[in-house]
Structures are given as structure tokens and as C-alpha cells.
């Protein structure tokens, strides 16, 4: 924190301030036409000698609005936030093909509204796997 602000603030103080503050979730004034969703695992710092602690997250980016949100083990709030946004009649939903990503997308908007797109990298992985090998 002191590198970013020039002031040293103890970790416990930062945690207390964060817990007391009610952060407003961002919203969009224009219709959301595209979003991308990804998930992963983050390793939390633990004291030396203690086993590593990992947490699952999902992050949703709103494309042109250049904003997004991420949640730890809380798909329900991510879905609630996304459904509270002004969604366009057709929303491009980019994902990596993981069941967890498409499971979240299936609860955002409605089936006719979502245009689900598999990202290029994962599409090519599928194409390469399914391509038969040529015999010389």
C-alpha cells in the first residue's frame, strides 16, 4: 500500500477499513452487448509451515464498458449483478468452454439473448484434437 499511496498502513487496518466500507457495485448506463467470463484459482498467503490455501474465483468483464467484477466462490452474486445490468437484446458471451463458465452464463439473461462464443484458443485446441492425422 505504501508504494501506491506513499503512506504506510498496517494490513489489519486495511482489512478493518475494507470490512467497514460498503462498496457500490458498478453498473452500466448503456446496454451491455458483450461480456467475457473466466474462472481460476488464487493461492492465498498463509503463515510459513501452514498448508497453502486456494480459492476459486470467477471474473466477468463487460467488454466495451471496460469494467468488470470478480467474486470468490460466489457465483450467485455474480449472476445477480450481471442480471441487474441493462442487457442488450443480443449479448455476445465469450468463454473458454469450461462447464463452470457456461453454467454461469446459462443463468444470465435468457437463451434467446445470449450469443455464446468459444474463445479462439480453446476452439483451436478442439479442432486440432478432432483433426485426423494424415498418413503419408
C-alpha atoms as a PDB file:
ATOM      1  CA  UNK A   1       0.000   0.000   0.000  1.00  0.00           C
ATOM      2  CA  UNK A   2       2.783   2.467   0.820  1.00  0.00           C
ATOM      3  CA  UNK A   3       4.225   2.095  -2.684  1.00  0.00           C
ATOM      4  CA  UNK A   4       0.910   3.122  -4.266  1.00  0.00           C
ATOM      5  CA  UNK A   5      -0.075   5.880  -1.840  1.00  0.00           C
ATOM      6  CA  UNK A   6       3.161   6.965  -0.172  1.00  0.00           C
ATOM      7  CA  UNK A   7       1.691   6.125   3.254  1.00  0.00           C
ATOM      8  CA  UNK A   8       2.234   3.006   5.304  1.00  0.00           C
ATOM      9  CA  UNK A   9      -0.972   1.383   6.564  1.00  0.00           C
ATOM     10  CA  UNK A  10      -0.890  -1.854   8.527  1.00  0.00           C
ATOM     11  CA  UNK A  11      -2.545  -4.914   6.982  1.00  0.00           C
ATOM     12  CA  UNK A  12      -5.062  -5.309   9.814  1.00  0.00           C
ATOM     13  CA  UNK A  13      -6.053  -1.650   9.421  1.00  0.00           C
ATOM     14  CA  UNK A  14      -6.616  -2.184   5.693  1.00  0.00           C
ATOM     15  CA  UNK A  15      -8.743  -5.259   6.412  1.00  0.00           C
ATOM     16  CA  UNK A  16     -10.796  -3.377   9.024  1.00  0.00           C
ATOM     17  CA  UNK A  17     -11.361  -0.418   6.671  1.00  0.00           C
ATOM     18  CA  UNK A  18     -12.412  -2.750   3.872  1.00  0.00           C
ATOM     19  CA  UNK A  19     -14.856  -4.579   6.139  1.00  0.00           C
ATOM     20  CA  UNK A  20     -16.455  -1.304   7.284  1.00  0.00           C
ATOM     21  CA  UNK A  21     -16.797   0.173   3.818  1.00  0.00           C
ATOM     22  CA  UNK A  22     -19.868  -0.601   1.738  1.00  0.00           C
ATOM     23  CA  UNK A  23     -18.601  -0.762  -1.835  1.00  0.00           C
ATOM     24  CA  UNK A  24     -21.133   0.054  -4.522  1.00  0.00           C
ATOM     25  CA  UNK A  25     -21.204  -2.404  -7.380  1.00  0.00           C
ATOM     26  CA  UNK A  26     -20.526  -0.785 -10.743  1.00  0.00           C
ATOM     27  CA  UNK A  27     -23.351  -0.504 -13.200  1.00  0.00           C
ATOM     28  CA  UNK A  28     -23.652   0.446 -16.828  1.00  0.00           C
ATOM     29  CA  UNK A  29     -25.584   3.359 -18.306  1.00  0.00           C
ATOM     30  CA  UNK A  30     -25.603   1.737 -21.732  1.00  0.00           C
ATOM     31  CA  UNK A  31     -26.799  -1.717 -22.744  1.00  0.00           C
ATOM     32  CA  UNK A  32     -24.250  -4.452 -22.234  1.00  0.00           C
ATOM     33  CA  UNK A  33     -23.623  -6.053 -25.631  1.00  0.00           C
ATOM     34  CA  UNK A  34     -20.654  -8.231 -24.780  1.00  0.00           C
ATOM     35  CA  UNK A  35     -19.088  -9.941 -21.814  1.00  0.00           C
ATOM     36  CA  UNK A  36     -16.354 -12.433 -21.133  1.00  0.00           C
ATOM     37  CA  UNK A  37     -16.239 -14.785 -18.181  1.00  0.00           C
ATOM     38  CA  UNK A  38     -13.343 -16.764 -16.824  1.00  0.00           C
ATOM     39  CA  UNK A  39     -12.505 -18.534 -13.639  1.00  0.00           C
ATOM     40  CA  UNK A  40      -9.437 -19.726 -11.857  1.00  0.00           C
ATOM     41  CA  UNK A  41      -7.773 -20.420  -8.586  1.00  0.00           C
ATOM     42  CA  UNK A  42      -5.843 -17.963  -6.416  1.00  0.00           C
ATOM     43  CA  UNK A  43      -3.403 -19.040  -3.741  1.00  0.00           C
ATOM     44  CA  UNK A  44      -3.784 -17.053  -0.534  1.00  0.00           C
ATOM     45  CA  UNK A  45      -0.768 -16.278   1.585  1.00  0.00           C
ATOM     46  CA  UNK A  46      -0.514 -18.450   4.661  1.00  0.00           C
ATOM     47  CA  UNK A  47       1.988 -18.340   7.507  1.00  0.00           C
ATOM     48  CA  UNK A  48       5.180 -20.351   6.934  1.00  0.00           C
ATOM     49  CA  UNK A  49       4.648 -24.028   7.680  1.00  0.00           C
ATOM     50  CA  UNK A  50       0.883 -23.954   7.098  1.00  0.00           C
ATOM     51  CA  UNK A  51      -0.592 -25.653   4.050  1.00  0.00           C
ATOM     52  CA  UNK A  52      -1.457 -23.495   1.056  1.00  0.00           C
ATOM     53  CA  UNK A  53      -4.987 -22.187   0.793  1.00  0.00           C
ATOM     54  CA  UNK A  54      -6.594 -21.898  -2.616  1.00  0.00           C
ATOM     55  CA  UNK A  55      -9.813 -20.095  -3.518  1.00  0.00           C
ATOM     56  CA  UNK A  56     -11.869 -20.321  -6.672  1.00  0.00           C
ATOM     57  CA  UNK A  57     -12.949 -17.136  -8.401  1.00  0.00           C
ATOM     58  CA  UNK A  58     -14.996 -16.114 -11.417  1.00  0.00           C
ATOM     59  CA  UNK A  59     -14.451 -12.781 -13.158  1.00  0.00           C
ATOM     60  CA  UNK A  60     -16.863 -11.139 -15.576  1.00  0.00           C
ATOM     61  CA  UNK A  61     -15.670  -8.375 -17.918  1.00  0.00           C
ATOM     62  CA  UNK A  62     -18.161  -6.180 -19.735  1.00  0.00           C
ATOM     63  CA  UNK A  63     -16.166  -5.523 -22.893  1.00  0.00           C
ATOM     64  CA  UNK A  64     -16.791  -2.023 -24.246  1.00  0.00           C
ATOM     65  CA  UNK A  65     -17.704  -0.682 -20.800  1.00  0.00           C
ATOM     66  CA  UNK A  66     -14.159  -1.577 -19.655  1.00  0.00           C
ATOM     67  CA  UNK A  67     -15.339  -2.711 -16.285  1.00  0.00           C
ATOM     68  CA  UNK A  68     -15.987  -5.946 -14.564  1.00  0.00           C
ATOM     69  CA  UNK A  69     -16.230  -7.720 -11.262  1.00  0.00           C
ATOM     70  CA  UNK A  70     -14.818 -10.844  -9.676  1.00  0.00           C
ATOM     71  CA  UNK A  71     -16.120 -12.999  -6.834  1.00  0.00           C
ATOM     72  CA  UNK A  72     -14.554 -15.709  -4.700  1.00  0.00           C
ATOM     73  CA  UNK A  73     -16.729 -18.840  -4.506  1.00  0.00           C
ATOM     74  CA  UNK A  74     -19.852 -16.759  -5.045  1.00  0.00           C
ATOM     75  CA  UNK A  75     -21.430 -17.379  -8.438  1.00  0.00           C
ATOM     76  CA  UNK A  76     -24.820 -16.381  -7.036  1.00  0.00           C
ATOM     77  CA  UNK A  77     -23.799 -12.738  -6.521  1.00  0.00           C
ATOM     78  CA  UNK A  78     -22.006 -12.581  -9.870  1.00  0.00           C
ATOM     79  CA  UNK A  79     -25.179 -13.779 -11.621  1.00  0.00           C
ATOM     80  CA  UNK A  80     -27.368 -11.382  -9.614  1.00  0.00           C
ATOM     81  CA  UNK A  81     -25.074  -8.442 -10.507  1.00  0.00           C
ATOM     82  CA  UNK A  82     -24.991  -9.380 -14.216  1.00  0.00           C
ATOM     83  CA  UNK A  83     -28.779  -9.781 -14.406  1.00  0.00           C
ATOM     84  CA  UNK A  84     -29.179  -6.349 -12.795  1.00  0.00           C
ATOM     85  CA  UNK A  85     -27.300  -4.726 -15.675  1.00  0.00           C
ATOM     86  CA  UNK A  86     -29.104  -3.340 -18.721  1.00  0.00           C
ATOM     87  CA  UNK A  87     -28.541  -6.274 -21.095  1.00  0.00           C
ATOM     88  CA  UNK A  88     -28.912  -5.727 -24.839  1.00  0.00           C
ATOM     89  CA  UNK A  89     -31.328  -7.832 -26.904  1.00  0.00           C
ATOM     90  CA  UNK A  90     -28.294  -9.854 -28.024  1.00  0.00           C
ATOM     91  CA  UNK A  91     -25.278 -10.260 -25.741  1.00  0.00           C
ATOM     92  CA  UNK A  92     -22.047 -11.836 -27.002  1.00  0.00           C
ATOM     93  CA  UNK A  93     -20.816 -14.143 -24.218  1.00  0.00           C
ATOM     94  CA  UNK A  94     -17.187 -15.218 -24.636  1.00  0.00           C
ATOM     95  CA  UNK A  95     -15.941 -18.210 -22.666  1.00  0.00           C
ATOM     96  CA  UNK A  96     -13.290 -20.913 -22.606  1.00  0.00           C
ATOM     97  CA  UNK A  97     -15.551 -23.946 -22.778  1.00  0.00           C
ATOM     98  CA  UNK A  98     -15.353 -24.877 -19.095  1.00  0.00           C
ATOM     99  CA  UNK A  99     -18.653 -26.204 -17.709  1.00  0.00           C
ATOM    100  CA  UNK A 100     -18.475 -23.723 -14.812  1.00  0.00           C
ATOM    101  CA  UNK A 101     -18.338 -20.774 -17.227  1.00  0.00           C
ATOM    102  CA  UNK A 102     -21.277 -21.963 -19.327  1.00  0.00           C
ATOM    103  CA  UNK A 103     -23.210 -22.858 -16.164  1.00  0.00           C
ATOM    104  CA  UNK A 104     -22.950 -19.251 -15.009  1.00  0.00           C
ATOM    105  CA  UNK A 105     -23.797 -17.875 -18.458  1.00  0.00           C
ATOM    106  CA  UNK A 106     -26.911 -20.082 -18.572  1.00  0.00           C
ATOM    107  CA  UNK A 107     -28.294 -18.038 -15.656  1.00  0.00           C
ATOM    108  CA  UNK A 108     -27.599 -14.608 -17.157  1.00  0.00           C
ATOM    109  CA  UNK A 109     -30.338 -13.130 -19.334  1.00  0.00           C
ATOM    110  CA  UNK A 110     -32.275 -15.699 -21.352  1.00  0.00           C
ATOM    111  CA  UNK A 111     -31.419 -18.280 -24.011  1.00  0.00           C
ATOM    112  CA  UNK A 112     -32.547 -16.079 -26.922  1.00  0.00           C
ATOM    113  CA  UNK A 113     -30.496 -13.167 -25.599  1.00  0.00           C
ATOM    114  CA  UNK A 114     -27.148 -14.951 -25.280  1.00  0.00           C
ATOM    115  CA  UNK A 115     -24.817 -15.468 -28.220  1.00  0.00           C
ATOM    116  CA  UNK A 116     -22.315 -17.882 -26.684  1.00  0.00           C
ATOM    117  CA  UNK A 117     -18.844 -17.845 -28.269  1.00  0.00           C
ATOM    118  CA  UNK A 118     -15.985 -20.218 -27.560  1.00  0.00           C
ATOM    119  CA  UNK A 119     -12.689 -18.336 -27.431  1.00  0.00           C
ATOM    120  CA  UNK A 120     -10.235 -18.867 -30.294  1.00  0.00           C
ATOM    121  CA  UNK A 121      -7.539 -20.645 -28.268  1.00  0.00           C
ATOM    122  CA  UNK A 122      -9.911 -23.313 -26.946  1.00  0.00           C
ATOM    123  CA  UNK A 123     -11.684 -23.636 -30.287  1.00  0.00           C
ATOM    124  CA  UNK A 124      -8.354 -24.396 -31.969  1.00  0.00           C
ATOM    125  CA  UNK A 125      -7.494 -26.962 -29.277  1.00  0.00           C
ATOM    126  CA  UNK A 126     -10.747 -28.781 -30.105  1.00  0.00           C
ATOM    127  CA  UNK A 127     -10.124 -28.548 -33.857  1.00  0.00           C
ATOM    128  CA  UNK A 128      -6.594 -29.919 -33.544  1.00  0.00           C
ATOM    129  CA  UNK A 129      -7.731 -32.799 -31.314  1.00  0.00           C
ATOM    130  CA  UNK A 130     -10.545 -33.762 -33.665  1.00  0.00           C
ATOM    131  CA  UNK A 131      -8.496 -33.478 -36.855  1.00  0.00           C
ATOM    132  CA  UNK A 132      -7.498 -36.922 -38.141  1.00  0.00           C
ATOM    133  CA  UNK A 133      -3.807 -37.486 -38.700  1.00  0.00           C
ATOM    134  CA  UNK A 134      -2.726 -37.930 -42.313  1.00  0.00           C
ATOM    135  CA  UNK A 135      -0.820 -40.998 -43.292  1.00  0.00           C
ATOM    136  CA  UNK A 136       1.986 -40.459 -45.782  1.00  0.00           C
END
